[in-house]
């Protein structure tokens, strides 16, 4: 009983929606959706600031953000539905629920895949380097994920196996994810809280490592994939409602976390070997943005990190390259 008294309560169903009155119209907005929106806004503002400090045009993020958000949401929902088909496809199932993202059920790995495709499209439109954008986004994305996980708490989802720890999470006995036969006062591992803590730690580490080692060329993104993948591989292994598919007894989401780690290691090694200097510009060659008050130097030469011609058109040791050194945002 003492564990129940010291445990973490979950918000009741009345907290899953927030009533809003605008011009006489009455709306009920899902709290989950609000937390996701707050995370997107915070991440967007921080990413925009980081891009501007690297020399990008102020406001250019808006042109990249649209495909990132749209494809990120589509990918998150699609991945969740594919890995949890039993929740949506059964006799008498309302098929429109497949699109009910406001009710929860959005997979971060699907969001990463869809968002990466959207980022590539957006960077092609704007001329930004994909790796520059990815590095600017990485710590902001972790912060957004931490904020979004609060939405899981309101929805009473993303919790783990039964536990006796004092900080166990209270979940309504009517929750469909709870296995049949457990006592009504059973506590569960608060995975949403573990991930929030892990993500916040990750934000601090990414910013510190970026500043100390002047990381660019996608290496901040690589560290994000490694760190997040390691943490998520453990959290998914103790989740009470893992994906319905598994391979070698390991749930699909855990395999996805392993893939993220491996991909991060590959990106870090490859980019470290390919690029030994700083990014000469946040833009691809020929797509550079020039500040209105910038002076043109007619004596500029097109040299790469080793002093030879480079497709970036700016020497690594030039003032332009120094201006794009990584910052802590």
Protein backbone atom coordinates (compact mmCIF):
# COMPACT_ATOMS: atom_id res chain seq x y z
CA UNK A 1 0.00 0.00 0.00
CA UNK A 2 2.88 2.39 0.72
CA UNK A 3 4.08 2.10 -2.87
CA UNK A 4 0.63 3.10 -4.10
CA UNK A 5 0.59 6.16 -1.82
CA UNK A 6 4.01 7.35 -3.05
CA UNK A 7 3.46 6.50 -6.70
CA UNK A 8 2.93 8.80 -9.69
CA UNK A 9 -0.77 9.39 -10.43
CA UNK A 10 -2.05 9.57 -13.98
CA UNK A 11 -4.40 12.35 -15.07
CA UNK A 12 -8.04 11.30 -15.31
CA UNK A 13 -9.97 11.16 -18.59
CA UNK A 14 -11.16 14.73 -18.05
CA UNK A 15 -7.55 15.93 -18.54
CA UNK A 16 -7.22 14.35 -21.95
CA UNK A 17 -9.10 17.25 -23.54
CA UNK A 18 -8.94 20.99 -22.87
CA UNK A 19 -12.07 23.07 -23.52
CA UNK A 20 -11.44 26.25 -25.50
CA UNK A 21 -14.02 28.96 -26.23
CA UNK A 22 -13.29 31.25 -29.18
CA UNK A 23 -15.84 33.78 -30.45
CA UNK A 24 -18.68 31.76 -28.99
CA UNK A 25 -17.44 28.50 -30.52
CA UNK A 26 -16.71 25.67 -28.13
CA UNK A 27 -13.79 23.37 -28.89
CA UNK A 28 -12.24 20.48 -27.04
CA UNK A 29 -8.59 20.08 -27.97
CA UNK A 30 -6.70 16.89 -27.17
CA UNK A 31 -4.01 17.54 -24.56
CA UNK A 32 -1.76 15.10 -26.40
CA UNK A 33 -2.00 17.21 -29.56
CA UNK A 34 -1.27 20.39 -27.59
CA UNK A 35 1.92 18.93 -26.11
CA UNK A 36 3.06 17.81 -29.56
CA UNK A 37 2.37 21.30 -30.91
CA UNK A 38 4.30 22.95 -28.08
CA UNK A 39 7.23 20.65 -28.77
CA UNK A 40 7.18 21.53 -32.48
CA UNK A 41 7.10 25.28 -31.74
CA UNK A 42 9.95 25.11 -29.22
CA UNK A 43 12.09 22.95 -31.53
CA UNK A 44 11.38 25.24 -34.49
CA UNK A 45 12.41 28.40 -32.65
CA UNK A 46 15.62 26.85 -31.36
CA UNK A 47 16.53 25.26 -34.68
CA UNK A 48 15.93 28.54 -36.48
CA UNK A 49 18.24 30.33 -34.05
CA UNK A 50 20.94 27.71 -34.49
CA UNK A 51 20.70 27.87 -38.29
CA UNK A 52 20.91 31.66 -38.27
CA UNK A 53 24.04 31.53 -36.12
CA UNK A 54 25.60 29.24 -38.71
CA UNK A 55 24.96 31.82 -41.42
CA UNK A 56 21.59 30.77 -42.81
CA UNK A 57 18.97 33.28 -43.84
CA UNK A 58 16.68 34.21 -40.93
CA UNK A 59 13.33 32.48 -41.35
CA UNK A 60 14.58 29.90 -43.88
CA UNK A 61 13.47 27.18 -41.45
CA UNK A 62 9.83 27.85 -42.34
CA UNK A 63 10.43 26.62 -45.90
CA UNK A 64 11.98 23.39 -44.62
CA UNK A 65 9.56 22.88 -41.75
CA UNK A 66 6.40 22.22 -43.77
CA UNK A 67 7.51 18.95 -45.43
CA UNK A 68 9.32 17.90 -42.24
CA UNK A 69 6.20 18.22 -40.09
CA UNK A 70 3.79 16.75 -42.63
CA UNK A 71 5.91 13.72 -43.53
CA UNK A 72 7.04 13.33 -39.93
CA UNK A 73 3.44 13.01 -38.73
CA UNK A 74 2.52 10.68 -41.60
CA UNK A 75 5.55 8.51 -40.93
CA UNK A 76 4.91 8.38 -37.19
CA UNK A 77 1.32 7.27 -37.62
CA UNK A 78 2.04 4.83 -40.44
CA UNK A 79 4.83 3.13 -38.48
CA UNK A 80 2.61 2.78 -35.41
CA UNK A 81 -0.34 1.34 -37.35
CA UNK A 82 1.90 -1.13 -39.21
CA UNK A 83 3.50 -2.37 -35.98
CA UNK A 84 0.17 -2.49 -34.08
CA UNK A 85 -2.32 -3.78 -36.69
CA UNK A 86 -4.43 -5.57 -34.08
CA UNK A 87 -5.49 -2.22 -32.64
CA UNK A 88 -6.99 -1.04 -35.92
CA UNK A 89 -7.89 -4.01 -38.11
CA UNK A 90 -10.43 -6.42 -36.63
CA UNK A 91 -14.06 -7.35 -37.17
CA UNK A 92 -16.19 -4.26 -36.75
CA UNK A 93 -13.20 -1.93 -36.34
CA UNK A 94 -13.85 1.73 -37.26
CA UNK A 95 -11.21 2.10 -39.97
CA UNK A 96 -11.19 5.89 -39.66
CA UNK A 97 -9.36 5.39 -36.34
CA UNK A 98 -6.24 4.74 -38.42
CA UNK A 99 -6.08 8.50 -38.96
CA UNK A 100 -6.98 9.53 -35.38
CA UNK A 101 -3.51 10.75 -34.46
CA UNK A 102 -4.96 13.01 -31.75
CA UNK A 103 -5.82 9.91 -29.73
CA UNK A 104 -2.14 8.94 -29.46
CA UNK A 105 -0.18 6.20 -31.14
CA UNK A 106 2.62 7.91 -33.04
CA UNK A 107 5.96 6.11 -33.37
CA UNK A 108 9.10 8.18 -33.06
CA UNK A 109 11.06 5.96 -35.46
CA UNK A 110 8.41 6.48 -38.13
CA UNK A 111 8.56 10.20 -37.43
CA UNK A 112 12.34 10.19 -37.89
CA UNK A 113 12.08 8.40 -41.23
CA UNK A 114 9.30 10.61 -42.56
CA UNK A 115 10.88 13.75 -41.14
CA UNK A 116 14.25 12.92 -42.71
CA UNK A 117 12.60 12.61 -46.13
CA UNK A 118 10.81 15.90 -45.54
CA UNK A 119 14.06 17.57 -44.46
CA UNK A 120 15.82 16.38 -47.60
CA UNK A 121 13.00 17.80 -49.75
CA UNK A 122 12.99 21.08 -47.84
CA UNK A 123 16.76 21.43 -48.05
CA UNK A 124 16.62 20.87 -51.81
CA UNK A 125 14.06 23.66 -52.08
CA UNK A 126 16.03 26.15 -50.01
CA UNK A 127 19.58 25.18 -50.96
CA UNK A 128 20.52 24.35 -47.37
CA UNK A 129 22.93 21.54 -46.73
CA UNK A 130 21.01 18.57 -45.34
CA UNK A 131 23.73 17.86 -42.74
CA UNK A 132 23.74 21.47 -41.57
CA UNK A 133 20.01 21.37 -41.01
CA UNK A 134 20.21 17.96 -39.33
CA UNK A 135 22.87 19.11 -36.88
CA UNK A 136 20.92 22.25 -36.04
CA UNK A 137 17.79 20.20 -35.45
CA UNK A 138 19.21 17.30 -33.43
CA UNK A 139 19.24 18.76 -29.87
CA UNK A 140 16.02 20.68 -30.53
CA UNK A 141 14.36 17.46 -31.67
CA UNK A 142 15.29 15.73 -28.41
CA UNK A 143 13.80 18.62 -26.46
CA UNK A 144 10.60 18.43 -28.51
CA UNK A 145 10.40 14.69 -27.83
CA UNK A 146 10.73 15.32 -24.10
CA UNK A 147 7.86 17.81 -24.21
CA UNK A 148 5.73 15.52 -26.37
CA UNK A 149 6.13 12.64 -23.91
CA UNK A 150 4.00 14.57 -21.44
CA UNK A 151 1.17 13.94 -23.88
CA UNK A 152 1.67 10.21 -23.32
CA UNK A 153 1.19 10.79 -19.60
CA UNK A 154 -2.13 12.55 -20.18
CA UNK A 155 -3.23 9.73 -22.50
CA UNK A 156 -2.06 7.03 -20.06
CA UNK A 157 0.15 5.36 -22.66
CA UNK A 158 3.83 4.51 -23.04
CA UNK A 159 4.17 2.74 -19.70
CA UNK A 160 6.15 -0.35 -18.80
CA UNK A 161 5.84 -3.61 -16.97
CA UNK A 162 4.37 -3.95 -13.46
CA UNK A 163 6.74 -2.70 -10.77
CA UNK A 164 7.09 -2.20 -7.01
CA UNK A 165 9.33 0.89 -7.20
CA UNK A 166 8.03 3.89 -5.20
CA UNK A 167 7.78 5.97 -8.37
CA UNK A 168 5.56 3.46 -10.12
CA UNK A 169 2.86 4.87 -12.38
CA UNK A 170 -0.84 4.55 -11.64
CA UNK A 171 -2.88 3.48 -14.66
CA UNK A 172 -6.66 3.07 -14.83
CA UNK A 173 -7.61 -0.60 -14.70
CA UNK A 174 -9.78 -0.09 -17.81
CA UNK A 175 -6.71 0.68 -19.96
CA UNK A 176 -6.66 -1.76 -22.88
CA UNK A 177 -2.89 -2.19 -22.69
CA UNK A 178 -3.01 -3.79 -19.23
CA UNK A 179 -2.84 -7.60 -19.36
CA UNK A 180 -5.88 -9.43 -18.02
CA UNK A 181 -5.61 -10.69 -14.45
CA UNK A 182 -3.52 -7.95 -12.84
CA UNK A 183 -4.83 -6.42 -9.57
CA UNK A 184 -6.49 -3.01 -9.85
CA UNK A 185 -3.77 -1.33 -7.76
CA UNK A 186 -0.87 -2.56 -9.90
CA UNK A 187 1.81 0.05 -10.61
CA UNK A 188 3.78 0.26 -13.84
CA UNK A 189 7.16 1.56 -14.96
CA UNK A 190 6.73 5.24 -16.02
CA UNK A 191 8.46 4.94 -19.38
CA UNK A 192 7.28 8.39 -20.46
CA UNK A 193 9.19 9.88 -17.50
CA UNK A 194 12.30 7.80 -18.15
CA UNK A 195 12.38 9.00 -21.74
CA UNK A 196 11.88 12.63 -20.72
CA UNK A 197 14.88 12.38 -18.37
CA UNK A 198 16.97 10.56 -20.99
CA UNK A 199 16.10 13.13 -23.66
CA UNK A 200 16.94 16.13 -21.46
CA UNK A 201 20.29 14.57 -20.57
CA UNK A 202 20.83 13.98 -24.28
CA UNK A 203 20.14 17.65 -25.09
CA UNK A 204 22.77 18.80 -22.60
CA UNK A 205 25.36 16.30 -23.82
CA UNK A 206 24.80 17.09 -27.50
CA UNK A 207 25.22 20.82 -26.96
CA UNK A 208 28.34 20.35 -24.80
CA UNK A 209 29.99 17.90 -27.24
CA UNK A 210 29.12 20.08 -30.22
CA UNK A 211 30.73 23.09 -28.57
CA UNK A 212 33.82 21.27 -27.31
CA UNK A 213 34.66 19.38 -30.50
CA UNK A 214 33.13 21.80 -33.04
CA UNK A 215 31.01 19.06 -34.52
CA UNK A 216 29.53 19.58 -37.99
CA UNK A 217 28.81 17.63 -41.19
CA UNK A 218 26.05 15.55 -39.59
CA UNK A 219 28.05 14.38 -36.59
CA UNK A 220 25.65 15.97 -34.10
CA UNK A 221 22.83 14.04 -35.75
CA UNK A 222 24.96 10.89 -35.55
CA UNK A 223 25.41 11.29 -31.79
CA UNK A 224 21.67 11.89 -31.46
CA UNK A 225 20.92 8.61 -33.23
CA UNK A 226 23.45 6.70 -31.11
CA UNK A 227 22.33 8.12 -27.77
CA UNK A 228 18.61 7.98 -28.42
CA UNK A 229 18.83 4.52 -29.94
CA UNK A 230 20.67 3.13 -26.92
CA UNK A 231 18.14 4.55 -24.47
CA UNK A 232 15.13 3.56 -26.53
CA UNK A 233 16.37 -0.01 -27.02
CA UNK A 234 16.13 -0.53 -23.26
CA UNK A 235 12.84 1.31 -22.76
CA UNK A 236 11.16 -0.62 -25.56
CA UNK A 237 12.31 -3.90 -24.00
CA UNK A 238 10.28 -3.23 -20.83
CA UNK A 239 7.26 -1.71 -22.55
CA UNK A 240 3.95 -3.39 -21.74
CA UNK A 241 2.53 -2.93 -25.24
CA UNK A 242 5.45 -3.57 -27.61
CA UNK A 243 5.02 -3.85 -31.35
CA UNK A 244 3.12 -6.97 -32.40
CA UNK A 245 5.95 -8.20 -34.61
CA UNK A 246 9.31 -9.53 -33.45
CA UNK A 247 12.39 -11.21 -34.87
CA UNK A 248 14.48 -13.65 -32.83
CA UNK A 249 12.25 -12.82 -29.89
CA UNK A 250 13.13 -9.11 -30.05
CA UNK A 251 10.31 -6.60 -30.74
CA UNK A 252 10.44 -4.57 -33.95
CA UNK A 253 10.90 -1.29 -32.09
CA UNK A 254 13.98 -2.61 -30.31
CA UNK A 255 15.45 -3.62 -33.68
CA UNK A 256 14.65 -0.12 -34.94
CA UNK A 257 16.59 1.32 -32.00
CA UNK A 258 19.55 -0.92 -32.86
CA UNK A 259 19.38 0.28 -36.46
CA UNK A 260 19.45 3.90 -35.25
CA UNK A 261 22.62 3.22 -33.25
CA UNK A 262 24.36 1.49 -36.17
CA UNK A 263 23.30 4.24 -38.58
CA UNK A 264 24.61 6.89 -36.20
CA UNK A 265 27.99 5.14 -35.91
CA UNK A 266 28.24 4.84 -39.70
CA UNK A 267 27.36 8.50 -40.26
CA UNK A 268 29.90 9.65 -37.67
CA UNK A 269 32.74 7.55 -39.10
CA UNK A 270 32.03 8.34 -42.75
CA UNK A 271 31.57 12.07 -42.21
CA UNK A 272 34.66 12.29 -40.00
CA UNK A 273 36.74 10.79 -42.80
CA UNK A 274 35.14 12.77 -45.62
CA UNK A 275 35.23 16.17 -43.92
CA UNK A 276 38.14 17.19 -41.69
CA UNK A 277 37.44 20.91 -41.66
CA UNK A 278 34.48 23.16 -40.92
CA UNK A 279 31.51 23.64 -43.20
CA UNK A 280 32.31 26.53 -45.55
CA UNK A 281 28.65 27.51 -45.73
CA UNK A 282 25.27 26.25 -44.55
CA UNK A 283 24.23 26.33 -48.23
CA UNK A 284 25.13 24.14 -51.16
CA UNK A 285 27.36 25.64 -53.88
CA UNK A 286 25.50 28.18 -55.99
CA UNK A 287 22.61 28.49 -53.53
CA UNK A 288 24.32 30.69 -50.93
CA UNK A 289 22.41 33.43 -49.20
CA UNK A 290 24.27 36.73 -48.98
CA UNK A 291 23.52 39.14 -46.17
CA UNK A 292 22.27 42.49 -47.50
CA UNK A 293 25.07 44.30 -45.65
CA UNK A 294 27.83 41.86 -46.71
CA UNK A 295 30.84 43.09 -48.68
CA UNK A 296 31.96 41.10 -51.74
CA UNK A 297 35.65 40.14 -51.80
CA UNK A 298 36.80 39.81 -55.38
CA UNK A 299 39.99 37.99 -54.29
CA UNK A 300 38.16 34.95 -52.85
CA UNK A 301 39.46 31.61 -54.10
CA UNK A 302 37.74 28.27 -54.30
CA UNK A 303 39.73 25.98 -52.02
CA UNK A 304 38.79 22.99 -49.91
CA UNK A 305 40.21 21.85 -46.57
CA UNK A 306 43.48 20.77 -48.18
CA UNK A 307 43.84 23.92 -50.30
CA UNK A 308 42.45 22.51 -53.54
CA UNK A 309 39.37 23.39 -55.52
CA UNK A 310 36.19 22.44 -53.68
CA UNK A 311 32.59 22.38 -54.83
CA UNK A 312 31.65 24.51 -51.85
CA UNK A 313 33.54 27.46 -53.30
CA UNK A 314 34.95 28.67 -49.94
CA UNK A 315 38.25 27.77 -48.26
CA UNK A 316 37.85 25.97 -44.93
CA UNK A 317 40.02 28.50 -43.15
CA UNK A 318 38.26 31.55 -44.53
CA UNK A 319 36.21 34.01 -42.55
CA UNK A 320 33.06 32.46 -44.01
CA UNK A 321 34.04 29.03 -42.73
CA UNK A 322 34.83 30.39 -39.29
CA UNK A 323 31.48 32.11 -39.22
CA UNK A 324 29.75 28.75 -39.54
CA UNK A 325 31.50 27.05 -36.63
CA UNK A 326 29.05 25.21 -34.37
CA UNK A 327 27.59 26.98 -31.40
CA UNK A 328 25.68 25.81 -28.38
CA UNK A 329 22.51 27.37 -29.78
